Amino acid sequence: MVERKGKNKISPGQMRLPWAEWEAPSTEVVEVARQFILANFYNPEVAMQFFDDMSEIN
């Protein structure tokens, strides 16, 4: 096995993966997600715990 010298370089034309740079969700996205989850979740109280935990992080 031959060892390479140097780091792997990104070629100038290579596309980055869409999830490589993460943007924080906007409040509008969070509100739509909340409505969707509450409409489809068996126990809404448990679902709201997720959003309460998320608000502490932001």
PDB file of N, CA and C in Angstrom:
ATOM      1  N   MET A   1       0.844  -1.166   0.000  1.00  0.00           N
ATOM      2  CA  MET A   1       0.000   0.000   0.000  1.00  0.00           C
ATOM      3  C   MET A   1       0.897   1.240   0.000  1.00  0.00           C
ATOM      4  N   VAL A   2       0.592   2.174  -0.853  1.00  0.00           N
ATOM      5  CA  VAL A   2       1.382   3.392  -0.977  1.00  0.00           C
ATOM      6  C   VAL A   2       0.689   4.507  -0.202  1.00  0.00           C
ATOM      7  N   GLU A   3       1.434   5.193   0.648  1.00  0.00           N
ATOM      8  CA  GLU A   3       0.857   6.295   1.412  1.00  0.00           C
ATOM      9  C   GLU A   3       0.863   7.561   0.576  1.00  0.00           C
ATOM     10  N   ARG A   4      -0.211   8.316   0.681  1.00  0.00           N
ATOM     11  CA  ARG A   4      -0.294   9.585  -0.023  1.00  0.00           C
ATOM     12  C   ARG A   4       0.295  10.683   0.832  1.00  0.00           C
ATOM     13  N   LYS A   5       0.825  11.664   0.179  1.00  0.00           N
ATOM     14  CA  LYS A   5       1.322  12.829   0.893  1.00  0.00           C
ATOM     15  C   LYS A   5       0.284  13.934   0.768  1.00  0.00           C
ATOM     16  N   GLY A   6       0.101  14.681   1.837  1.00  0.00           N
ATOM     17  CA  GLY A   6      -0.829  15.808   1.807  1.00  0.00           C
ATOM     18  C   GLY A   6      -2.250  15.394   2.121  1.00  0.00           C
ATOM     19  N   LYS A   7      -3.116  16.370   2.180  1.00  0.00           N
ATOM     20  CA  LYS A   7      -4.523  16.137   2.500  1.00  0.00           C
ATOM     21  C   LYS A   7      -5.325  15.939   1.223  1.00  0.00           C
ATOM     22  N   ASN A   8      -6.498  15.360   1.379  1.00  0.00           N
ATOM     23  CA  ASN A   8      -7.410  15.260   0.243  1.00  0.00           C
ATOM     24  C   ASN A   8      -7.923  16.655  -0.068  1.00  0.00           C
ATOM     25  N   LYS A   9      -7.796  17.057  -1.292  1.00  0.00           N
ATOM     26  CA  LYS A   9      -8.231  18.392  -1.684  1.00  0.00           C
ATOM     27  C   LYS A   9      -9.553  18.299  -2.426  1.00  0.00           C
ATOM     28  N   ILE A  10     -10.370  19.302  -2.262  1.00  0.00           N
ATOM     29  CA  ILE A  10     -11.632  19.376  -2.982  1.00  0.00           C
ATOM     30  C   ILE A  10     -11.351  20.038  -4.321  1.00  0.00           C
ATOM     31  N   SER A  11     -11.787  19.383  -5.378  1.00  0.00           N
ATOM     32  CA  SER A  11     -11.567  19.985  -6.690  1.00  0.00           C
ATOM     33  C   SER A  11     -12.471  21.203  -6.836  1.00  0.00           C
ATOM     34  N   PRO A  12     -12.070  22.192  -7.629  1.00  0.00           N
ATOM     35  CA  PRO A  12     -12.840  23.429  -7.749  1.00  0.00           C
ATOM     36  C   PRO A  12     -14.270  23.222  -8.241  1.00  0.00           C
ATOM     37  N   GLY A  13     -14.511  22.198  -9.051  1.00  0.00           N
ATOM     38  CA  GLY A  13     -15.847  21.984  -9.596  1.00  0.00           C
ATOM     39  C   GLY A  13     -16.696  21.033  -8.783  1.00  0.00           C
ATOM     40  N   GLN A  14     -16.173  20.513  -7.689  1.00  0.00           N
ATOM     41  CA  GLN A  14     -16.899  19.522  -6.906  1.00  0.00           C
ATOM     42  C   GLN A  14     -17.987  20.189  -6.081  1.00  0.00           C
ATOM     43  N   MET A  15     -19.194  19.622  -6.136  1.00  0.00           N
ATOM     44  CA  MET A  15     -20.320  20.173  -5.380  1.00  0.00           C
ATOM     45  C   MET A  15     -20.234  19.723  -3.927  1.00  0.00           C
ATOM     46  N   ARG A  16     -20.633  20.592  -3.043  1.00  0.00           N
ATOM     47  CA  ARG A  16     -20.722  20.228  -1.627  1.00  0.00           C
ATOM     48  C   ARG A  16     -22.071  19.565  -1.385  1.00  0.00           C
ATOM     49  N   LEU A  17     -22.118  18.733  -0.367  1.00  0.00           N
ATOM     50  CA  LEU A  17     -23.373  18.086  -0.016  1.00  0.00           C
ATOM     51  C   LEU A  17     -24.319  19.115   0.580  1.00  0.00           C
ATOM     52  N   PRO A  18     -25.624  18.986   0.303  1.00  0.00           N
ATOM     53  CA  PRO A  18     -26.572  19.992   0.795  1.00  0.00           C
ATOM     54  C   PRO A  18     -26.617  20.083   2.319  1.00  0.00           C
ATOM     55  N   TRP A  19     -26.308  19.000   3.014  1.00  0.00           N
ATOM     56  CA  TRP A  19     -26.373  19.023   4.473  1.00  0.00           C
ATOM     57  C   TRP A  19     -25.027  19.368   5.103  1.00  0.00           C
ATOM     58  N   ALA A  20     -24.030  19.701   4.296  1.00  0.00           N
ATOM     59  CA  ALA A  20     -22.717  20.047   4.824  1.00  0.00           C
ATOM     60  C   ALA A  20     -22.759  21.342   5.640  1.00  0.00           C
ATOM     61  N   GLU A  21     -23.572  22.286   5.214  1.00  0.00           N
ATOM     62  CA  GLU A  21     -23.724  23.541   5.951  1.00  0.00           C
ATOM     63  C   GLU A  21     -25.168  23.634   6.427  1.00  0.00           C
ATOM     64  N   TRP A  22     -25.341  23.645   7.725  1.00  0.00           N
ATOM     65  CA  TRP A  22     -26.671  23.627   8.305  1.00  0.00           C
ATOM     66  C   TRP A  22     -27.106  25.030   8.681  1.00  0.00           C
ATOM     67  N   GLU A  23     -28.335  25.359   8.329  1.00  0.00           N
ATOM     68  CA  GLU A  23     -28.907  26.643   8.710  1.00  0.00           C
ATOM     69  C   GLU A  23     -29.969  26.388   9.774  1.00  0.00           C
ATOM     70  N   ALA A  24     -30.004  27.229  10.766  1.00  0.00           N
ATOM     71  CA  ALA A  24     -31.004  27.082  11.822  1.00  0.00           C
ATOM     72  C   ALA A  24     -32.395  27.282  11.231  1.00  0.00           C
ATOM     73  N   PRO A  25     -33.385  26.497  11.676  1.00  0.00           N
ATOM     74  CA  PRO A  25     -34.734  26.629  11.121  1.00  0.00           C
ATOM     75  C   PRO A  25     -35.363  27.961  11.504  1.00  0.00           C
ATOM     76  N   SER A  26     -36.109  28.500  10.580  1.00  0.00           N
ATOM     77  CA  SER A  26     -36.802  29.747  10.863  1.00  0.00           C
ATOM     78  C   SER A  26     -38.010  29.454  11.746  1.00  0.00           C
ATOM     79  N   THR A  27     -38.552  30.468  12.358  1.00  0.00           N
ATOM     80  CA  THR A  27     -39.711  30.278  13.235  1.00  0.00           C
ATOM     81  C   THR A  27     -40.907  29.782  12.443  1.00  0.00           C
ATOM     82  N   GLU A  28     -41.006  30.185  11.177  1.00  0.00           N
ATOM     83  CA  GLU A  28     -42.118  29.730  10.345  1.00  0.00           C
ATOM     84  C   GLU A  28     -42.046  28.218  10.128  1.00  0.00           C
ATOM     85  N   VAL A  29     -40.862  27.698   9.885  1.00  0.00           N
ATOM     86  CA  VAL A  29     -40.681  26.259   9.687  1.00  0.00           C
ATOM     87  C   VAL A  29     -41.009  25.507  10.972  1.00  0.00           C
ATOM     88  N   VAL A  30     -40.581  26.039  12.098  1.00  0.00           N
ATOM     89  CA  VAL A  30     -40.849  25.396  13.387  1.00  0.00           C
ATOM     90  C   VAL A  30     -42.350  25.358  13.661  1.00  0.00           C
ATOM     91  N   GLU A  31     -43.056  26.427  13.348  1.00  0.00           N
ATOM     92  CA  GLU A  31     -44.503  26.463  13.587  1.00  0.00           C
ATOM     93  C   GLU A  31     -45.237  25.450  12.713  1.00  0.00           C
ATOM     94  N   VAL A  32     -44.853  25.334  11.451  1.00  0.00           N
ATOM     95  CA  VAL A  32     -45.487  24.354  10.564  1.00  0.00           C
ATOM     96  C   VAL A  32     -45.183  22.939  11.049  1.00  0.00           C
ATOM     97  N   ALA A  33     -43.953  22.696  11.471  1.00  0.00           N
ATOM     98  CA  ALA A  33     -43.582  21.378  11.990  1.00  0.00           C
ATOM     99  C   ALA A  33     -44.380  21.052  13.247  1.00  0.00           C
ATOM    100  N   ARG A  34     -44.552  22.051  14.108  1.00  0.00           N
ATOM    101  CA  ARG A  34     -45.320  21.847  15.338  1.00  0.00           C
ATOM    102  C   ARG A  34     -46.763  21.457  15.011  1.00  0.00           C
ATOM    103  N   GLN A  35     -47.390  22.154  14.069  1.00  0.00           N
ATOM    104  CA  GLN A  35     -48.769  21.842  13.688  1.00  0.00           C
ATOM    105  C   GLN A  35     -48.864  20.428  13.114  1.00  0.00           C
ATOM    106  N   PHE A  36     -47.916  20.067  12.261  1.00  0.00           N
ATOM    107  CA  PHE A  36     -47.923  18.743  11.647  1.00  0.00           C
ATOM    108  C   PHE A  36     -47.766  17.648  12.696  1.00  0.00           C
ATOM    109  N   ILE A  37     -46.817  17.825  13.593  1.00  0.00           N
ATOM    110  CA  ILE A  37     -46.558  16.802  14.608  1.00  0.00           C
ATOM    111  C   ILE A  37     -47.736  16.674  15.564  1.00  0.00           C
ATOM    112  N   LEU A  38     -48.299  17.797  15.988  1.00  0.00           N
ATOM    113  CA  LEU A  38     -49.442  17.733  16.899  1.00  0.00           C
ATOM    114  C   LEU A  38     -50.651  17.087  16.235  1.00  0.00           C
ATOM    115  N   ALA A  39     -50.822  17.287  14.934  1.00  0.00           N
ATOM    116  CA  ALA A  39     -51.954  16.694  14.224  1.00  0.00           C
ATOM    117  C   ALA A  39     -51.789  15.185  14.062  1.00  0.00           C
ATOM    118  N   ASN A  40     -50.553  14.705  14.014  1.00  0.00           N
ATOM    119  CA  ASN A  40     -50.306  13.297  13.715  1.00  0.00           C
ATOM    120  C   ASN A  40     -49.758  12.489  14.885  1.00  0.00           C
ATOM    121  N   PHE A  41     -49.547  13.092  16.015  1.00  0.00           N
ATOM    122  CA  PHE A  41     -48.940  12.406  17.152  1.00  0.00           C
ATOM    123  C   PHE A  41     -50.030  11.815  18.036  1.00  0.00           C
ATOM    124  N   TYR A  42     -49.796  10.630  18.548  1.00  0.00           N
ATOM    125  CA  TYR A  42     -50.785   9.945  19.382  1.00  0.00           C
ATOM    126  C   TYR A  42     -51.024  10.692  20.688  1.00  0.00           C
ATOM    127  N   ASN A  43     -49.952  11.148  21.327  1.00  0.00           N
ATOM    128  CA  ASN A  43     -50.071  11.861  22.593  1.00  0.00           C
ATOM    129  C   ASN A  43     -49.451  13.256  22.431  1.00  0.00           C
ATOM    130  N   PRO A  44     -50.271  14.293  22.239  1.00  0.00           N
ATOM    131  CA  PRO A  44     -49.748  15.645  22.003  1.00  0.00           C
ATOM    132  C   PRO A  44     -48.878  16.181  23.136  1.00  0.00           C
ATOM    133  N   GLU A  45     -49.110  15.740  24.371  1.00  0.00           N
ATOM    134  CA  GLU A  45     -48.299  16.224  25.493  1.00  0.00           C
ATOM    135  C   GLU A  45     -46.840  15.785  25.341  1.00  0.00           C
ATOM    136  N   VAL A  46     -46.630  14.573  24.865  1.00  0.00           N
ATOM    137  CA  VAL A  46     -45.273  14.083  24.646  1.00  0.00           C
ATOM    138  C   VAL A  46     -44.628  14.853  23.496  1.00  0.00           C
ATOM    139  N   ALA A  47     -45.387  15.130  22.460  1.00  0.00           N
ATOM    140  CA  ALA A  47     -44.856  15.886  21.319  1.00  0.00           C
ATOM    141  C   ALA A  47     -44.447  17.288  21.743  1.00  0.00           C
ATOM    142  N   MET A  48     -45.199  17.913  22.608  1.00  0.00           N
ATOM    143  CA  MET A  48     -44.879  19.273  23.050  1.00  0.00           C
ATOM    144  C   MET A  48     -43.598  19.297  23.879  1.00  0.00           C
ATOM    145  N   GLN A  49     -43.253  18.208  24.534  1.00  0.00           N
ATOM    146  CA  GLN A  49     -41.995  18.151  25.276  1.00  0.00           C
ATOM    147  C   GLN A  49     -40.813  18.336  24.336  1.00  0.00           C
ATOM    148  N   PHE A  50     -40.923  17.809  23.124  1.00  0.00           N
ATOM    149  CA  PHE A  50     -39.857  17.982  22.139  1.00  0.00           C
ATOM    150  C   PHE A  50     -39.671  19.456  21.815  1.00  0.00           C
ATOM    151  N   PHE A  51     -40.757  20.164  21.614  1.00  0.00           N
ATOM    152  CA  PHE A  51     -40.655  21.579  21.266  1.00  0.00           C
ATOM    153  C   PHE A  51     -40.206  22.416  22.457  1.00  0.00           C
ATOM    154  N   ASP A  52     -40.586  22.026  23.660  1.00  0.00           N
ATOM    155  CA  ASP A  52     -40.118  22.743  24.849  1.00  0.00           C
ATOM    156  C   ASP A  52     -38.608  22.592  25.002  1.00  0.00           C
ATOM    157  N   ASP A  53     -38.091  21.383  24.744  1.00  0.00           N
ATOM    158  CA  ASP A  53     -36.645  21.151  24.807  1.00  0.00           C
ATOM    159  C   ASP A  53     -35.924  21.948  23.728  1.00  0.00           C
ATOM    160  N   MET A  54     -36.537  22.057  22.569  1.00  0.00           N
ATOM    161  CA  MET A  54     -35.925  22.771  21.452  1.00  0.00           C
ATOM    162  C   MET A  54     -35.851  24.269  21.729  1.00  0.00           C
ATOM    163  N   SER A  55     -36.842  24.816  22.411  1.00  0.00           N
ATOM    164  CA  SER A  55     -36.827  26.252  22.705  1.00  0.00           C
ATOM    165  C   SER A  55     -35.733  26.596  23.715  1.00  0.00           C
ATOM    166  N   GLU A  56     -35.359  25.640  24.572  1.00  0.00           N
ATOM    167  CA  GLU A  56     -34.276  25.879  25.529  1.00  0.00           C
ATOM    168  C   GLU A  56     -32.927  25.943  24.827  1.00  0.00           C
ATOM    169  N   ILE A  57     -32.780  25.208  23.723  1.00  0.00           N
ATOM    170  CA  ILE A  57     -31.525  25.188  22.975  1.00  0.00           C
ATOM    171  C   ILE A  57     -31.329  26.502  22.239  1.00  0.00           C
ATOM    172  N   ASN A  58     -32.383  27.032  21.634  1.00  0.00           N
ATOM    173  CA  ASN A  58     -32.274  28.264  20.835  1.00  0.00           C
ATOM    174  C   ASN A  58     -32.167  29.452  21.682  1.00  0.00           C
TER     175      ASN A  58
END
